[in-house]
Amino acid sequence: MTAPAAAVPVVSTLVVSVLGGTGEQGRGLARRLALAGHQVVLGSRDATRAAAAAEGLPASVTGADNASAAAAADVVIVAVPWEGHRELLASLAEVLAGKIVVDCVNPLGFDKAGAFALAVEEGSAAEQAAAVLPASRVVAAFHHVSAVLLLDEEVDSVDTDVLVLGDDREATDVVQALAGRIRGMRGIYAGRLRNAHQVEALTANLISVNRRYKAHAGLRVTDV
């Protein structure tokens, strides 16, 4: 007998904030989640800059400083540059306590040969987030989603799978369901947080694919 499918969490009422929301990846995720019906708050060091970044996005997207954005949300997506990752999260540890924090940061370097994965003391950006935010529920996800496609108003469906990793199964279920709210996406559970390094590093390979084929490649997991 086939086991019954696990119930999908109801996430339609969740408020989402995006730290690093003024960048293309952050704005793109905010746009798609807003189109799915979510209230989204873009976070930035400068509230005025965040408000400006929200202009042109759906009306349910607003801007605020990082601390205010984090405080307002049920789920917080971290889409900041790797260089400021640890510092920002450490400064927000108190306000992020108890919240689901979704880390989609890819620690990458670039040289004449292209993109390459950087070594991270904790193992990965997501594990660094978990170390800095011991009172938060850290999940790794949204690493391989093209910002170009997310922002393109002519692209109705972003057809890709989102690999979701974490040690808190309830939190990963919520993030899978949140990814599934975006048209064309599926959230796929991909293991514990200790396996986030190879997921983050795979972004360097996708950058190489995109450059060679002039594409915006994503991932599909077969037989699931």
Protein backbone atom coordinates (compact mmCIF):
# COMPACT_ATOMS: atom_id res chain seq x y z
CA MET A 1 0.00 0.00 0.00
CA THR A 2 1.33 3.44 -0.93
CA ALA A 3 1.90 5.68 2.07
CA PRO A 4 -0.32 8.78 2.12
CA ALA A 5 1.34 12.01 1.03
CA ALA A 6 2.33 14.32 3.85
CA ALA A 7 0.06 17.30 4.34
CA VAL A 8 1.39 20.46 2.73
CA PRO A 9 1.64 23.30 5.26
CA VAL A 10 -0.67 26.26 4.68
CA VAL A 11 1.67 29.16 3.99
CA SER A 12 -0.55 31.54 2.03
CA THR A 13 -0.81 34.06 4.89
CA LEU A 14 2.89 34.21 5.73
CA VAL A 15 4.66 37.55 5.55
CA VAL A 16 8.09 37.24 3.93
CA SER A 17 11.00 39.63 4.21
CA VAL A 18 14.01 39.62 1.91
CA LEU A 19 17.28 40.92 3.37
CA GLY A 20 19.38 42.13 0.50
CA GLY A 21 16.12 42.94 -1.20
CA THR A 22 17.59 45.76 -3.26
CA GLY A 23 19.64 43.30 -5.34
CA GLU A 24 18.22 41.56 -8.41
CA GLN A 25 17.86 38.17 -6.74
CA GLY A 26 16.08 39.65 -3.75
CA ARG A 27 13.79 41.84 -5.83
CA GLY A 28 13.02 38.91 -8.13
CA LEU A 29 12.03 36.59 -5.29
CA ALA A 30 9.97 39.39 -3.74
CA ARG A 31 8.16 39.96 -7.03
CA ARG A 32 7.25 36.31 -7.52
CA LEU A 33 6.13 35.80 -3.91
CA ALA A 34 4.00 38.94 -4.12
CA LEU A 35 2.40 37.67 -7.32
CA ALA A 36 1.61 34.49 -5.38
CA GLY A 37 -0.30 36.58 -2.85
CA HIS A 38 2.26 37.25 -0.12
CA GLN A 39 3.02 40.48 1.66
CA VAL A 40 6.76 41.02 1.18
CA VAL A 41 9.12 43.48 2.87
CA LEU A 42 12.42 44.33 1.19
CA GLY A 43 15.21 44.95 3.68
CA SER A 44 18.25 47.17 3.23
CA ARG A 45 20.66 49.09 5.44
CA ASP A 46 18.94 52.18 4.07
CA ALA A 47 15.13 52.23 4.36
CA THR A 48 14.88 54.85 1.63
CA ARG A 49 16.82 52.64 -0.75
CA ALA A 50 14.60 49.68 0.14
CA ALA A 51 11.47 51.73 -0.58
CA ALA A 52 12.91 52.76 -3.94
CA ALA A 53 13.67 49.11 -4.78
CA ALA A 54 10.04 48.22 -4.07
CA GLU A 55 8.83 50.68 -6.70
CA GLY A 56 7.68 48.91 -9.85
CA LEU A 57 6.98 45.68 -7.96
CA PRO A 58 3.48 44.54 -6.93
CA ALA A 59 1.77 46.77 -4.39
CA SER A 60 2.15 44.18 -1.61
CA VAL A 61 5.94 44.74 -1.67
CA THR A 62 7.23 47.44 0.68
CA GLY A 63 10.67 48.53 1.86
CA ALA A 64 12.24 49.01 5.29
CA ASP A 65 15.57 48.88 7.05
CA ASN A 66 16.88 45.37 7.65
CA ALA A 67 15.88 45.16 11.32
CA SER A 68 12.34 46.39 10.68
CA ALA A 69 11.94 44.07 7.70
CA ALA A 70 13.09 41.07 9.73
CA ALA A 71 10.80 41.94 12.64
CA ALA A 72 7.76 42.22 10.36
CA ALA A 73 8.13 38.79 8.77
CA ASP A 74 7.24 35.18 9.52
CA VAL A 75 9.90 33.93 7.09
CA VAL A 76 13.11 35.83 6.33
CA ILE A 77 15.06 35.21 3.12
CA VAL A 78 18.75 36.16 3.20
CA ALA A 79 19.96 37.28 -0.23
CA VAL A 80 22.85 39.53 0.72
CA PRO A 81 26.34 39.50 -0.83
CA TRP A 82 28.59 36.88 0.73
CA GLU A 83 31.06 39.49 1.95
CA GLY A 84 28.53 40.99 4.37
CA HIS A 85 26.73 37.77 5.30
CA ARG A 86 28.10 37.07 8.77
CA GLU A 87 28.11 40.70 9.91
CA LEU A 88 24.51 41.34 8.93
CA LEU A 89 23.13 38.17 10.49
CA ALA A 90 25.06 38.69 13.70
CA SER A 91 23.57 42.18 13.99
CA LEU A 92 20.05 40.77 13.61
CA ALA A 93 20.39 37.65 15.77
CA GLU A 94 17.96 38.88 18.42
CA VAL A 95 15.19 39.93 16.02
CA LEU A 96 15.59 36.73 13.98
CA ALA A 97 15.25 34.44 17.01
CA GLY A 98 12.48 31.89 16.55
CA LYS A 99 11.96 32.74 12.86
CA ILE A 100 12.52 30.58 9.79
CA VAL A 101 15.57 32.06 8.07
CA VAL A 102 16.09 30.95 4.47
CA ASP A 103 19.68 31.38 3.32
CA CYS A 104 20.19 31.52 -0.46
CA VAL A 105 23.69 33.02 -0.41
CA ASN A 106 26.32 31.43 -2.66
CA PRO A 107 29.93 31.98 -1.53
CA LEU A 108 31.59 32.34 -4.92
CA GLY A 109 34.77 33.85 -6.30
CA PHE A 110 35.46 34.92 -9.87
CA ASP A 111 38.64 35.02 -11.91
CA LYS A 112 39.61 34.78 -15.59
CA ALA A 113 38.58 31.11 -15.61
CA GLY A 114 35.08 31.87 -14.34
CA ALA A 115 33.16 31.27 -11.13
CA PHE A 116 34.37 28.96 -8.36
CA ALA A 117 33.20 27.99 -4.89
CA LEU A 118 34.89 29.58 -1.90
CA ALA A 119 35.86 27.67 1.23
CA VAL A 120 33.73 28.54 4.26
CA GLU A 121 34.96 27.86 7.78
CA GLU A 122 31.59 26.48 8.91
CA GLY A 123 31.20 24.42 5.71
CA SER A 124 28.68 26.59 3.86
CA ALA A 125 26.91 29.93 4.03
CA ALA A 126 23.85 28.20 5.46
CA GLU A 127 25.89 26.54 8.20
CA GLN A 128 27.50 29.89 8.96
CA ALA A 129 24.00 31.35 9.31
CA ALA A 130 23.04 28.52 11.69
CA ALA A 131 26.15 29.14 13.78
CA VAL A 132 25.50 32.89 13.97
CA LEU A 133 21.75 32.42 14.58
CA PRO A 134 21.47 29.55 17.09
CA ALA A 135 17.94 30.61 18.08
CA SER A 136 16.65 30.69 14.47
CA ARG A 137 15.38 27.88 12.25
CA VAL A 138 17.83 28.06 9.35
CA VAL A 139 16.98 26.53 5.99
CA ALA A 140 19.00 26.61 2.75
CA ALA A 141 17.03 27.19 -0.48
CA PHE A 142 16.60 29.29 -3.67
CA HIS A 143 20.28 29.05 -4.70
CA HIS A 144 19.78 28.22 -8.37
CA VAL A 145 16.93 30.51 -9.43
CA SER A 146 17.71 33.00 -12.19
CA ALA A 147 17.18 36.62 -11.14
CA VAL A 148 16.67 37.49 -14.80
CA LEU A 149 13.71 35.11 -15.07
CA LEU A 150 12.28 36.16 -11.71
CA LEU A 151 12.17 39.79 -12.82
CA ASP A 152 11.09 39.24 -16.43
CA GLU A 153 7.45 40.31 -16.73
CA GLU A 154 7.08 38.24 -19.90
CA VAL A 155 8.00 35.02 -18.06
CA ASP A 156 4.81 33.67 -16.52
CA SER A 157 6.24 30.44 -15.11
CA VAL A 158 9.72 29.94 -13.63
CA ASP A 159 10.10 26.24 -14.36
CA THR A 160 12.68 24.96 -11.90
CA ASP A 161 13.04 22.90 -8.76
CA VAL A 162 14.30 24.49 -5.55
CA LEU A 163 16.52 22.28 -3.39
CA VAL A 164 15.59 22.78 0.26
CA LEU A 165 17.94 21.70 3.06
CA GLY A 166 17.70 21.91 6.82
CA ASP A 167 17.71 20.11 10.13
CA ASP A 168 14.24 21.28 11.20
CA ARG A 169 11.80 19.23 9.10
CA GLU A 170 8.81 21.43 9.90
CA ALA A 171 10.78 24.47 8.70
CA THR A 172 11.89 22.76 5.48
CA ASP A 173 8.28 21.73 4.82
CA VAL A 174 7.23 25.38 5.11
CA VAL A 175 9.95 26.52 2.72
CA GLN A 176 9.08 23.77 0.23
CA ALA A 177 5.47 24.93 0.31
CA LEU A 178 6.55 28.56 -0.07
CA ALA A 179 8.62 27.70 -3.15
CA GLY A 180 5.63 25.85 -4.57
CA ARG A 181 3.57 29.02 -4.37
CA ILE A 182 5.65 30.48 -7.23
CA ARG A 183 4.27 29.40 -10.59
CA GLY A 184 6.44 26.67 -12.14
CA MET A 185 8.55 25.97 -9.05
CA ARG A 186 8.69 22.93 -6.81
CA GLY A 187 10.39 22.74 -3.45
CA ILE A 188 12.35 19.48 -3.13
CA TYR A 189 13.77 18.32 0.20
CA ALA A 190 17.48 17.69 -0.40
CA GLY A 191 18.94 16.72 2.97
CA ARG A 192 20.42 18.14 6.13
CA LEU A 193 22.09 21.50 6.41
CA ARG A 194 25.52 19.82 6.43
CA ASN A 195 24.95 19.09 2.72
CA ALA A 196 24.41 22.74 1.78
CA HIS A 197 28.00 23.26 0.60
CA GLN A 198 27.64 21.28 -2.61
CA VAL A 199 24.30 22.93 -3.37
CA GLU A 200 25.80 26.40 -2.99
CA ALA A 201 28.88 25.39 -4.98
CA LEU A 202 26.78 24.01 -7.85
CA THR A 203 25.85 27.60 -8.67
CA ALA A 204 29.34 28.01 -10.15
CA ASN A 205 28.58 25.17 -12.57
CA LEU A 206 25.27 26.73 -13.57
CA ILE A 207 27.02 30.03 -14.26
CA SER A 208 29.32 28.14 -16.64
CA VAL A 209 26.30 26.51 -18.31
CA ASN A 210 24.62 29.87 -18.73
CA ARG A 211 27.71 31.48 -20.23
CA ARG A 212 28.31 28.66 -22.68
CA TYR A 213 24.70 28.29 -23.83
CA LYS A 214 23.53 31.89 -23.27
CA ALA A 215 20.76 30.56 -21.03
CA HIS A 216 19.24 30.96 -17.59
CA ALA A 217 19.56 27.36 -16.49
CA GLY A 218 17.84 25.86 -13.47
CA LEU A 219 17.44 22.34 -12.10
CA ARG A 220 14.81 19.61 -12.39
CA VAL A 221 14.84 16.54 -10.15
CA THR A 222 13.50 13.48 -11.99
CA ASP A 223 11.25 10.70 -10.69
CA VAL A 224 9.93 12.78 -7.79
